[in-house]
């Protein structure tokens, strides 16, 4: 599992579209699996789950991206990858997870 967290001064909707398009178009096997959006009392939250094939690990890797914007206008982003290991009882070969997260970092 790998994690990336950032606080950004960006347009929420524009950033969300840039992430969705950049991840899906950044890999032949990447897909947007599902998402949810919430608005309450001037706050916004969006969750997206992406998946792609990791050739290095010969498996599929998922990435959950959560964005939250409170009344201060700052966008808080948390992204967590998972699934990049082939071992049964402990994690080995997590290169695919980190590579997926690195793609998101490039977009930010």
N, C-alpha and C. Protein backbone atom coordinates (compact mmCIF):
# COMPACT_ATOMS: atom_id res chain seq x y z
N UNK A 1 0.85 -1.17 0.00
CA UNK A 1 0.00 0.00 0.00
C UNK A 1 0.89 1.22 0.00
N UNK A 2 0.53 2.20 -0.81
CA UNK A 2 1.24 3.47 -0.86
C UNK A 2 0.21 4.58 -0.71
N UNK A 3 0.64 5.71 -0.17
CA UNK A 3 -0.30 6.80 0.11
C UNK A 3 0.31 8.13 -0.27
N UNK A 4 -0.53 9.03 -0.79
CA UNK A 4 -0.15 10.39 -1.14
C UNK A 4 -1.19 11.33 -0.57
N UNK A 5 -0.77 12.36 0.13
CA UNK A 5 -1.70 13.35 0.66
C UNK A 5 -1.19 14.75 0.30
N UNK A 6 -2.11 15.61 -0.10
CA UNK A 6 -1.76 16.97 -0.48
C UNK A 6 -2.88 17.92 -0.07
N UNK A 7 -2.52 19.18 0.16
CA UNK A 7 -3.48 20.27 0.30
C UNK A 7 -3.21 21.22 -0.86
N UNK A 8 -4.25 21.49 -1.65
CA UNK A 8 -4.08 22.22 -2.90
C UNK A 8 -4.95 23.46 -2.96
N UNK A 9 -4.45 24.48 -3.64
CA UNK A 9 -5.21 25.71 -3.90
C UNK A 9 -5.65 25.65 -5.36
N UNK A 10 -6.67 24.86 -5.66
CA UNK A 10 -7.11 24.66 -7.04
C UNK A 10 -8.63 24.62 -7.11
N UNK A 11 -9.14 24.80 -8.33
CA UNK A 11 -10.55 24.65 -8.59
C UNK A 11 -10.92 23.18 -8.42
N UNK A 12 -11.86 22.88 -7.55
CA UNK A 12 -12.22 21.50 -7.20
C UNK A 12 -12.63 20.70 -8.42
N UNK A 13 -13.60 21.20 -9.17
CA UNK A 13 -14.12 20.46 -10.33
C UNK A 13 -13.05 20.29 -11.40
N UNK A 14 -12.29 21.35 -11.66
CA UNK A 14 -11.24 21.27 -12.66
C UNK A 14 -10.18 20.24 -12.30
N UNK A 15 -9.81 20.20 -11.02
CA UNK A 15 -8.83 19.24 -10.55
C UNK A 15 -9.37 17.81 -10.67
N UNK A 16 -10.63 17.62 -10.33
CA UNK A 16 -11.23 16.29 -10.42
C UNK A 16 -11.24 15.79 -11.87
N UNK A 17 -11.61 16.64 -12.79
CA UNK A 17 -11.63 16.27 -14.21
C UNK A 17 -10.21 15.97 -14.70
N UNK A 18 -9.24 16.78 -14.28
CA UNK A 18 -7.85 16.54 -14.68
C UNK A 18 -7.34 15.20 -14.18
N UNK A 19 -7.69 14.85 -12.95
CA UNK A 19 -7.27 13.56 -12.38
C UNK A 19 -7.95 12.41 -13.11
N UNK A 20 -9.26 12.49 -13.29
CA UNK A 20 -9.99 11.42 -13.99
C UNK A 20 -9.41 11.18 -15.38
N UNK A 21 -9.27 12.25 -16.15
CA UNK A 21 -8.78 12.11 -17.52
C UNK A 21 -7.32 11.67 -17.55
N UNK A 22 -6.51 12.24 -16.67
CA UNK A 22 -5.09 11.93 -16.67
C UNK A 22 -4.79 10.49 -16.29
N UNK A 23 -5.53 9.95 -15.32
CA UNK A 23 -5.31 8.56 -14.91
C UNK A 23 -5.79 7.60 -15.99
N UNK A 24 -7.00 7.81 -16.48
CA UNK A 24 -7.57 6.90 -17.48
C UNK A 24 -6.78 6.95 -18.79
N UNK A 25 -6.36 8.14 -19.20
CA UNK A 25 -5.62 8.27 -20.45
C UNK A 25 -4.12 8.02 -20.28
N UNK A 26 -3.66 7.87 -19.05
CA UNK A 26 -2.25 7.69 -18.79
C UNK A 26 -1.77 6.26 -18.85
N UNK A 27 -2.69 5.32 -19.06
CA UNK A 27 -2.33 3.91 -19.12
C UNK A 27 -3.36 3.18 -19.97
N UNK A 28 -2.89 2.28 -20.80
CA UNK A 28 -3.78 1.51 -21.66
C UNK A 28 -4.79 0.70 -20.86
N UNK A 29 -4.40 0.23 -19.68
CA UNK A 29 -5.27 -0.65 -18.90
C UNK A 29 -6.00 0.06 -17.77
N UNK A 30 -5.81 1.38 -17.61
CA UNK A 30 -6.44 2.11 -16.50
C UNK A 30 -7.92 2.34 -16.77
N UNK A 31 -8.71 2.23 -15.70
CA UNK A 31 -10.14 2.49 -15.80
C UNK A 31 -10.63 3.17 -14.53
N UNK A 32 -11.69 3.95 -14.68
CA UNK A 32 -12.38 4.52 -13.54
C UNK A 32 -13.46 3.53 -13.16
N UNK A 33 -13.32 2.89 -12.01
CA UNK A 33 -14.26 1.83 -11.60
C UNK A 33 -15.56 2.39 -11.06
N UNK A 34 -15.47 3.44 -10.23
CA UNK A 34 -16.68 4.02 -9.67
C UNK A 34 -16.33 5.30 -8.94
N UNK A 35 -17.35 6.05 -8.54
CA UNK A 35 -17.13 7.29 -7.82
C UNK A 35 -18.37 7.73 -7.09
N UNK A 36 -18.17 8.63 -6.14
CA UNK A 36 -19.27 9.22 -5.38
C UNK A 36 -18.96 10.69 -5.13
N UNK A 37 -20.00 11.50 -5.09
CA UNK A 37 -19.86 12.93 -4.84
C UNK A 37 -20.88 13.36 -3.79
N UNK A 38 -20.43 14.20 -2.86
CA UNK A 38 -21.29 14.69 -1.80
C UNK A 38 -21.09 16.20 -1.64
N UNK A 39 -22.17 16.91 -1.35
CA UNK A 39 -22.13 18.33 -1.03
C UNK A 39 -23.00 18.54 0.19
N UNK A 40 -22.46 19.26 1.20
CA UNK A 40 -23.23 19.53 2.41
C UNK A 40 -22.68 20.78 3.09
N UNK A 41 -23.56 21.71 3.35
CA UNK A 41 -23.20 22.93 4.09
C UNK A 41 -21.97 23.63 3.52
N UNK A 42 -21.89 23.73 2.21
CA UNK A 42 -20.78 24.42 1.57
C UNK A 42 -19.50 23.61 1.46
N UNK A 43 -19.53 22.34 1.84
CA UNK A 43 -18.37 21.46 1.74
C UNK A 43 -18.62 20.45 0.63
N UNK A 44 -17.53 20.02 -0.03
CA UNK A 44 -17.63 19.04 -1.12
C UNK A 44 -16.68 17.89 -0.86
N UNK A 45 -17.11 16.70 -1.27
CA UNK A 45 -16.27 15.51 -1.15
C UNK A 45 -16.50 14.64 -2.38
N UNK A 46 -15.42 14.21 -3.01
CA UNK A 46 -15.51 13.29 -4.14
C UNK A 46 -14.57 12.13 -3.90
N UNK A 47 -15.05 10.93 -4.21
CA UNK A 47 -14.25 9.72 -4.09
C UNK A 47 -14.24 9.04 -5.45
N UNK A 48 -13.05 8.64 -5.91
CA UNK A 48 -12.91 7.92 -7.16
C UNK A 48 -12.04 6.69 -6.93
N UNK A 49 -12.41 5.58 -7.57
CA UNK A 49 -11.63 4.36 -7.49
C UNK A 49 -11.20 3.99 -8.91
N UNK A 50 -9.88 3.92 -9.10
CA UNK A 50 -9.29 3.56 -10.39
C UNK A 50 -8.64 2.19 -10.26
N UNK A 51 -8.47 1.55 -11.41
CA UNK A 51 -7.78 0.27 -11.43
C UNK A 51 -6.96 0.18 -12.71
N UNK A 52 -5.84 -0.53 -12.65
CA UNK A 52 -5.04 -0.78 -13.84
C UNK A 52 -4.23 -2.05 -13.66
N UNK A 53 -3.76 -2.57 -14.77
CA UNK A 53 -2.91 -3.76 -14.74
C UNK A 53 -1.47 -3.32 -14.55
N UNK A 54 -0.77 -4.02 -13.67
CA UNK A 54 0.65 -3.77 -13.42
C UNK A 54 1.45 -4.90 -14.05
N UNK A 55 2.11 -4.60 -15.16
CA UNK A 55 2.89 -5.63 -15.85
C UNK A 55 4.05 -6.11 -14.99
N UNK A 56 4.63 -5.20 -14.22
CA UNK A 56 5.76 -5.56 -13.38
C UNK A 56 5.36 -6.60 -12.33
N UNK A 57 4.17 -6.44 -11.76
CA UNK A 57 3.71 -7.38 -10.74
C UNK A 57 2.79 -8.46 -11.28
N UNK A 58 2.43 -8.38 -12.55
CA UNK A 58 1.49 -9.31 -13.17
C UNK A 58 0.19 -9.41 -12.39
N UNK A 59 -0.34 -8.25 -11.99
CA UNK A 59 -1.60 -8.23 -11.24
C UNK A 59 -2.28 -6.88 -11.47
N UNK A 60 -3.46 -6.74 -10.89
CA UNK A 60 -4.19 -5.47 -10.99
C UNK A 60 -3.98 -4.68 -9.71
N UNK A 61 -3.91 -3.36 -9.88
CA UNK A 61 -3.68 -2.44 -8.77
C UNK A 61 -4.83 -1.45 -8.74
N UNK A 62 -5.32 -1.13 -7.55
CA UNK A 62 -6.38 -0.13 -7.43
C UNK A 62 -5.84 1.11 -6.74
N UNK A 63 -6.50 2.24 -7.01
CA UNK A 63 -6.16 3.49 -6.35
C UNK A 63 -7.45 4.22 -6.00
N UNK A 64 -7.62 4.53 -4.73
CA UNK A 64 -8.75 5.33 -4.27
C UNK A 64 -8.27 6.76 -4.08
N UNK A 65 -9.00 7.70 -4.66
CA UNK A 65 -8.67 9.12 -4.54
C UNK A 65 -9.86 9.81 -3.88
N UNK A 66 -9.60 10.47 -2.75
CA UNK A 66 -10.63 11.23 -2.05
C UNK A 66 -10.23 12.69 -2.03
N UNK A 67 -11.15 13.56 -2.45
CA UNK A 67 -10.93 15.00 -2.41
C UNK A 67 -12.00 15.62 -1.53
N UNK A 68 -11.57 16.54 -0.66
CA UNK A 68 -12.50 17.24 0.23
C UNK A 68 -12.20 18.72 0.17
N UNK A 69 -13.24 19.52 0.05
CA UNK A 69 -13.09 20.98 0.09
C UNK A 69 -14.05 21.54 1.11
N UNK A 70 -13.49 22.15 2.14
CA UNK A 70 -14.30 22.78 3.18
C UNK A 70 -14.61 24.21 2.82
N UNK A 71 -15.12 24.94 3.76
CA UNK A 71 -15.52 26.33 3.52
C UNK A 71 -14.33 27.26 3.35
N UNK A 72 -13.12 26.80 3.70
CA UNK A 72 -11.92 27.63 3.50
C UNK A 72 -11.43 27.61 2.06
N UNK A 73 -12.00 26.74 1.21
CA UNK A 73 -11.65 26.68 -0.20
C UNK A 73 -10.48 25.77 -0.52
N UNK A 74 -9.74 25.31 0.47
CA UNK A 74 -8.62 24.42 0.22
C UNK A 74 -9.12 23.02 -0.17
N UNK A 75 -8.41 22.39 -1.09
CA UNK A 75 -8.77 21.03 -1.51
C UNK A 75 -7.79 20.06 -0.84
N UNK A 76 -8.33 19.18 -0.02
CA UNK A 76 -7.53 18.15 0.65
C UNK A 76 -7.68 16.87 -0.17
N UNK A 77 -6.55 16.30 -0.57
CA UNK A 77 -6.55 15.11 -1.40
C UNK A 77 -5.81 13.99 -0.68
N UNK A 78 -6.40 12.81 -0.70
CA UNK A 78 -5.75 11.61 -0.17
C UNK A 78 -5.92 10.50 -1.19
N UNK A 79 -4.81 9.88 -1.58
CA UNK A 79 -4.85 8.78 -2.54
C UNK A 79 -4.13 7.58 -1.94
N UNK A 80 -4.75 6.42 -2.03
CA UNK A 80 -4.18 5.19 -1.47
C UNK A 80 -4.29 4.10 -2.53
N UNK A 81 -3.17 3.43 -2.78
CA UNK A 81 -3.14 2.32 -3.73
C UNK A 81 -3.10 1.00 -2.99
N UNK A 82 -3.57 -0.05 -3.66
CA UNK A 82 -3.58 -1.37 -3.05
C UNK A 82 -3.62 -2.43 -4.14
N UNK A 83 -3.20 -3.64 -3.76
CA UNK A 83 -3.32 -4.77 -4.66
C UNK A 83 -2.06 -5.13 -5.41
N UNK A 84 -0.96 -4.47 -5.12
CA UNK A 84 0.25 -4.69 -5.88
C UNK A 84 1.15 -5.78 -5.37
N UNK A 85 0.64 -6.69 -4.58
CA UNK A 85 1.49 -7.74 -4.02
C UNK A 85 1.00 -9.11 -4.45
N UNK A 86 1.93 -10.04 -4.57
CA UNK A 86 1.57 -11.40 -4.95
C UNK A 86 1.68 -12.39 -3.80
N UNK A 87 2.21 -11.95 -2.68
CA UNK A 87 2.42 -12.85 -1.55
C UNK A 87 1.11 -13.11 -0.81
N UNK A 88 1.04 -14.24 -0.13
CA UNK A 88 -0.17 -14.60 0.59
C UNK A 88 -0.24 -13.96 1.98
N UNK A 89 0.87 -13.89 2.70
CA UNK A 89 0.83 -13.44 4.09
C UNK A 89 1.54 -12.12 4.35
N UNK A 90 2.31 -11.61 3.40
CA UNK A 90 2.98 -10.33 3.58
C UNK A 90 3.17 -9.69 2.21
N UNK A 91 3.46 -8.39 2.21
CA UNK A 91 3.56 -7.66 0.95
C UNK A 91 4.96 -7.72 0.37
N UNK A 92 5.04 -8.14 -0.88
CA UNK A 92 6.27 -8.04 -1.65
C UNK A 92 5.90 -7.46 -3.01
N UNK A 93 6.87 -6.88 -3.69
CA UNK A 93 6.66 -6.34 -5.02
C UNK A 93 5.52 -5.33 -5.06
N UNK A 94 5.70 -4.22 -4.41
CA UNK A 94 4.69 -3.16 -4.42
C UNK A 94 5.03 -2.06 -5.42
N UNK A 95 5.88 -2.37 -6.41
CA UNK A 95 6.28 -1.38 -7.40
C UNK A 95 5.09 -0.85 -8.20
N UNK A 96 4.15 -1.71 -8.52
CA UNK A 96 2.98 -1.30 -9.29
C UNK A 96 2.14 -0.27 -8.56
N UNK A 97 2.00 -0.44 -7.25
CA UNK A 97 1.25 0.52 -6.44
C UNK A 97 1.91 1.89 -6.48
N UNK A 98 3.22 1.92 -6.28
CA UNK A 98 3.94 3.19 -6.26
C UNK A 98 3.92 3.85 -7.62
N UNK A 99 4.04 3.08 -8.69
CA UNK A 99 4.00 3.64 -10.03
C UNK A 99 2.65 4.28 -10.33
N UNK A 100 1.56 3.66 -9.86
CA UNK A 100 0.22 4.20 -10.05
C UNK A 100 0.10 5.54 -9.31
N UNK A 101 0.59 5.59 -8.10
CA UNK A 101 0.56 6.80 -7.30
C UNK A 101 1.45 7.88 -7.92
N UNK A 102 2.57 7.49 -8.49
CA UNK A 102 3.47 8.46 -9.14
C UNK A 102 2.78 9.15 -10.31
N UNK A 103 1.92 8.42 -11.04
CA UNK A 103 1.17 9.02 -12.13
C UNK A 103 0.27 10.12 -11.61
N UNK A 104 -0.39 9.89 -10.49
CA UNK A 104 -1.24 10.91 -9.89
C UNK A 104 -0.40 12.11 -9.46
N UNK A 105 0.74 11.87 -8.84
CA UNK A 105 1.62 12.96 -8.40
C UNK A 105 2.02 13.84 -9.58
N UNK A 106 2.28 13.24 -10.75
CA UNK A 106 2.60 14.02 -11.95
C UNK A 106 1.46 14.94 -12.34
N UNK A 107 0.23 14.47 -12.19
CA UNK A 107 -0.94 15.26 -12.57
C UNK A 107 -1.18 16.45 -11.63
N UNK A 108 -0.72 16.30 -10.40
CA UNK A 108 -0.92 17.36 -9.42
C UNK A 108 0.09 18.47 -9.61
